[in-house]
Protein backbone atom coordinates (compact mmCIF):
# COMPACT_ATOMS: atom_id res chain seq x y z
CA MET A 1 35.37 18.48 -22.91
CA ALA A 2 34.12 14.97 -23.49
CA VAL A 3 34.32 14.32 -19.83
CA LYS A 4 31.95 17.35 -19.12
CA ILE A 5 29.56 16.06 -21.77
CA LEU A 6 29.69 12.69 -20.28
CA GLY A 7 29.21 14.05 -16.78
CA ALA A 8 26.27 16.22 -18.04
CA VAL A 9 24.43 13.31 -19.77
CA CYS A 10 25.05 11.00 -16.43
CA ILE A 11 23.39 13.88 -14.22
CA ILE A 12 20.51 14.40 -16.56
CA ALA A 13 20.01 10.64 -16.96
CA ALA A 14 20.12 10.06 -13.01
CA CYS A 15 17.82 13.03 -12.36
CA THR A 16 15.43 11.81 -15.07
CA ALA A 17 15.51 8.28 -13.61
CA MET A 18 14.67 9.74 -10.07
CA GLY A 19 11.63 11.49 -11.56
CA PHE A 20 10.40 8.33 -13.42
CA ARG A 21 10.92 6.24 -10.18
CA GLN A 22 8.67 8.64 -8.19
CA SER A 23 6.09 8.58 -11.04
CA PHE A 24 6.30 4.70 -10.94
CA LYS A 25 5.90 4.57 -7.01
CA LEU A 26 2.81 6.67 -7.36
CA ASN A 27 1.39 4.28 -9.88
CA LEU A 28 2.25 1.31 -7.59
CA ARG A 29 0.38 2.91 -4.91
CA TYR A 30 -2.71 3.30 -6.84
CA LYS A 31 -2.44 -0.52 -7.88
CA GLU A 32 -2.09 -1.41 -4.33
CA LEU A 33 -5.11 0.45 -3.12
CA GLN A 34 -7.11 -1.40 -6.00
CA GLU A 35 -5.71 -4.57 -4.68
CA LEU A 36 -6.45 -3.63 -1.06
CA LYS A 37 -10.11 -2.92 -2.11
CA LYS A 38 -10.55 -6.29 -3.66
CA ILE A 39 -8.91 -7.94 -0.52
CA LEU A 40 -11.37 -6.13 1.83
CA CYS A 41 -14.32 -7.49 -0.28
CA LEU A 42 -12.87 -10.87 -0.15
CA LEU A 43 -12.40 -10.61 3.71
CA ALA A 44 -16.07 -9.33 4.16
CA GLY A 45 -17.25 -12.22 1.98
CA GLU A 46 -15.39 -14.66 3.94
CA ILE A 47 -16.56 -13.36 7.32
CA ARG A 48 -20.20 -13.01 6.20
CA PHE A 49 -20.48 -16.38 4.33
CA GLY A 50 -17.46 -18.38 5.04
CA GLY A 51 -18.33 -19.20 8.76
CA GLY A 52 -14.65 -20.11 9.69
CA THR A 53 -12.44 -18.57 12.32
CA LEU A 54 -10.46 -15.38 11.57
CA GLU A 55 -7.24 -17.54 11.22
CA GLU A 56 -8.87 -19.59 8.48
CA THR A 57 -10.32 -16.37 6.91
CA PHE A 58 -6.83 -14.84 6.88
CA ARG A 59 -5.24 -17.86 5.28
CA THR A 60 -7.89 -17.88 2.59
CA VAL A 61 -7.46 -14.16 1.76
CA ALA A 62 -3.72 -14.59 1.83
CA ALA A 63 -3.92 -17.35 -0.81
CA ARG A 64 -6.01 -15.05 -3.03
CA SER A 65 -4.08 -11.95 -2.72
CA GLY A 66 -0.88 -10.58 -4.16
CA SER A 67 2.14 -9.14 -2.61
CA PRO A 68 2.51 -7.47 0.00
CA PHE A 69 -0.85 -8.38 1.27
CA GLU A 70 -0.33 -12.11 1.02
CA ASP A 71 2.65 -11.89 3.50
CA PHE A 72 0.56 -9.70 5.75
CA PHE A 73 -2.31 -12.10 6.00
CA CYS A 74 -0.11 -15.14 6.34
CA PHE A 75 1.50 -13.48 9.11
CA LEU A 76 -1.71 -12.78 10.84
CA SER A 77 -2.85 -16.48 10.24
CA GLU A 78 0.23 -17.88 11.56
CA GLU A 79 0.45 -15.78 14.48
CA MET A 80 -3.16 -16.60 15.37
CA LYS A 81 -2.55 -20.34 14.85
CA GLU A 82 0.10 -20.13 17.58
CA ARG A 83 -2.37 -18.86 20.02
CA THR A 84 0.30 -16.67 21.92
CA GLY A 85 -2.62 -14.88 23.82
CA VAL A 86 -2.08 -11.63 22.07
CA ARG A 87 -4.98 -9.61 20.98
CA LEU A 88 -5.95 -9.38 17.33
CA SER A 89 -5.60 -5.65 17.42
CA GLU A 90 -1.96 -5.99 18.69
CA LEU A 91 -1.12 -8.47 16.01
CA TRP A 92 -2.89 -6.49 13.46
CA ASP A 93 -0.90 -3.26 14.41
CA ARG A 94 2.48 -5.25 14.49
CA ALA A 95 1.65 -6.85 10.96
CA VAL A 96 0.83 -3.41 9.48
CA ARG A 97 3.97 -1.82 10.86
CA GLU A 98 6.21 -4.80 9.94
CA ARG A 99 4.74 -6.32 6.75
CA LEU A 100 3.30 -3.28 5.02
CA SER A 101 5.94 -0.72 5.80
CA ALA A 102 7.75 -1.70 2.47
CA SER A 103 4.48 -1.11 0.43
CA HIS A 104 3.73 2.17 -1.37
CA LEU A 105 0.78 2.96 0.67
CA THR A 106 0.85 6.36 2.53
CA GLU A 107 0.76 6.91 6.27
CA GLU A 108 -3.02 7.99 5.77
CA ASP A 109 -3.71 4.60 4.03
CA LEU A 110 -1.92 2.51 6.82
CA ASP A 111 -3.81 4.55 9.57
CA ILE A 112 -6.99 3.60 7.92
CA LEU A 113 -5.96 -0.13 8.04
CA LEU A 114 -4.67 0.45 11.75
CA ARG A 115 -8.07 1.80 12.93
CA MET A 116 -9.84 -1.10 11.11
CA GLY A 117 -7.65 -3.75 12.82
CA ASN A 118 -8.58 -2.19 16.20
CA ASP A 119 -12.25 -3.02 15.76
CA LEU A 120 -12.16 -6.14 13.71
CA GLY A 121 -11.70 -9.01 16.02
CA CYS A 122 -13.42 -7.76 19.27
CA LEU A 123 -16.75 -7.14 18.00
CA ASP A 124 -19.59 -9.24 16.65
CA ARG A 125 -19.85 -10.19 12.92
CA GLU A 126 -22.02 -7.32 11.80
CA THR A 127 -20.02 -4.81 13.45
CA GLY A 128 -16.94 -6.22 11.99
CA LEU A 129 -18.49 -6.10 8.47
CA SER A 130 -19.50 -2.44 9.07
CA THR A 131 -15.84 -1.75 10.11
CA LEU A 132 -14.66 -3.36 6.81
CA THR A 133 -17.14 -1.35 4.85
CA LEU A 134 -16.17 1.84 6.33
CA ALA A 135 -12.41 1.12 5.88
CA SER A 136 -13.06 0.12 2.12
CA GLU A 137 -15.07 3.24 1.60
CA GLN A 138 -12.31 5.42 3.07
CA LEU A 139 -9.53 3.66 0.87
CA GLU A 140 -11.83 3.92 -2.13
CA ASP A 141 -11.97 7.57 -1.61
CA ALA A 142 -8.23 7.82 -1.39
CA ARG A 143 -8.05 5.65 -4.56
CA LYS A 144 -10.33 8.17 -6.43
CA ASP A 145 -8.56 11.16 -5.24
CA LEU A 146 -5.22 9.56 -6.54
CA TYR A 147 -6.90 8.54 -9.87
CA GLY A 148 -7.98 12.18 -10.54
CA GLU A 149 -4.39 13.33 -9.74
CA LEU A 150 -2.33 10.46 -11.15
CA PRO A 151 -1.75 11.65 -14.68
CA LYS A 152 -0.80 15.10 -13.75
CA LYS A 153 1.37 14.09 -10.70
CA MET A 154 3.13 11.43 -13.00
CA ARG A 155 3.68 14.08 -15.65
CA LEU A 156 4.97 16.37 -13.04
CA TYR A 157 7.51 13.95 -11.66
CA ASN A 158 8.74 12.97 -15.05
CA CYS A 159 9.27 16.77 -15.99
CA LEU A 160 10.68 17.72 -12.84
CA GLY A 161 13.31 14.93 -12.98
CA ILE A 162 14.43 16.13 -16.58
CA LEU A 163 14.40 19.72 -15.49
CA ALA A 164 16.35 19.11 -12.32
CA GLY A 165 19.02 17.17 -14.31
CA VAL A 166 19.25 19.99 -16.94
CA PHE A 167 19.46 22.65 -13.98
CA ILE A 168 22.22 21.12 -12.12
CA THR A 169 24.14 20.57 -15.34
CA ILE A 170 23.64 24.02 -16.09
CA LEU A 171 24.93 24.96 -12.59
CA LEU A 172 28.09 22.73 -12.87
CA ILE A 173 29.02 24.09 -16.37
């Protein structure tokens, strides 16, 4: 009997932990969207007033941003420094897919970044700034939508984890 109780407790604890993990991941996505908005403002400011190359701009932004975006912009800066002849849009695409795949951003968030990267380096300064503004607005809309849903979804994930554990325990008993 003690083994059954111990098994039930383990199942409930594991399912509860899974629910809380999903809730935590959702909260991390919100924080990453906030950080990304800050980074896009920094990037726009550096392009507008910095006057440096994109390589220098990416290095500056990398120094002022947190994980995973620091690694993303360092990668871009280093690749541009090597001058391999690859277009910025291709570098950006590769960096988003390789360096931000472990982030908590959704595919829609990453698609916004990919579209922004396609237009960033090949146009004049004003068009690049407009592209940054558009991407920033789209990511801000996603952040606001998530903010409205965040408490409800977090509570839902937490409750579903607990209830799934109880349900599985009842099925096994």
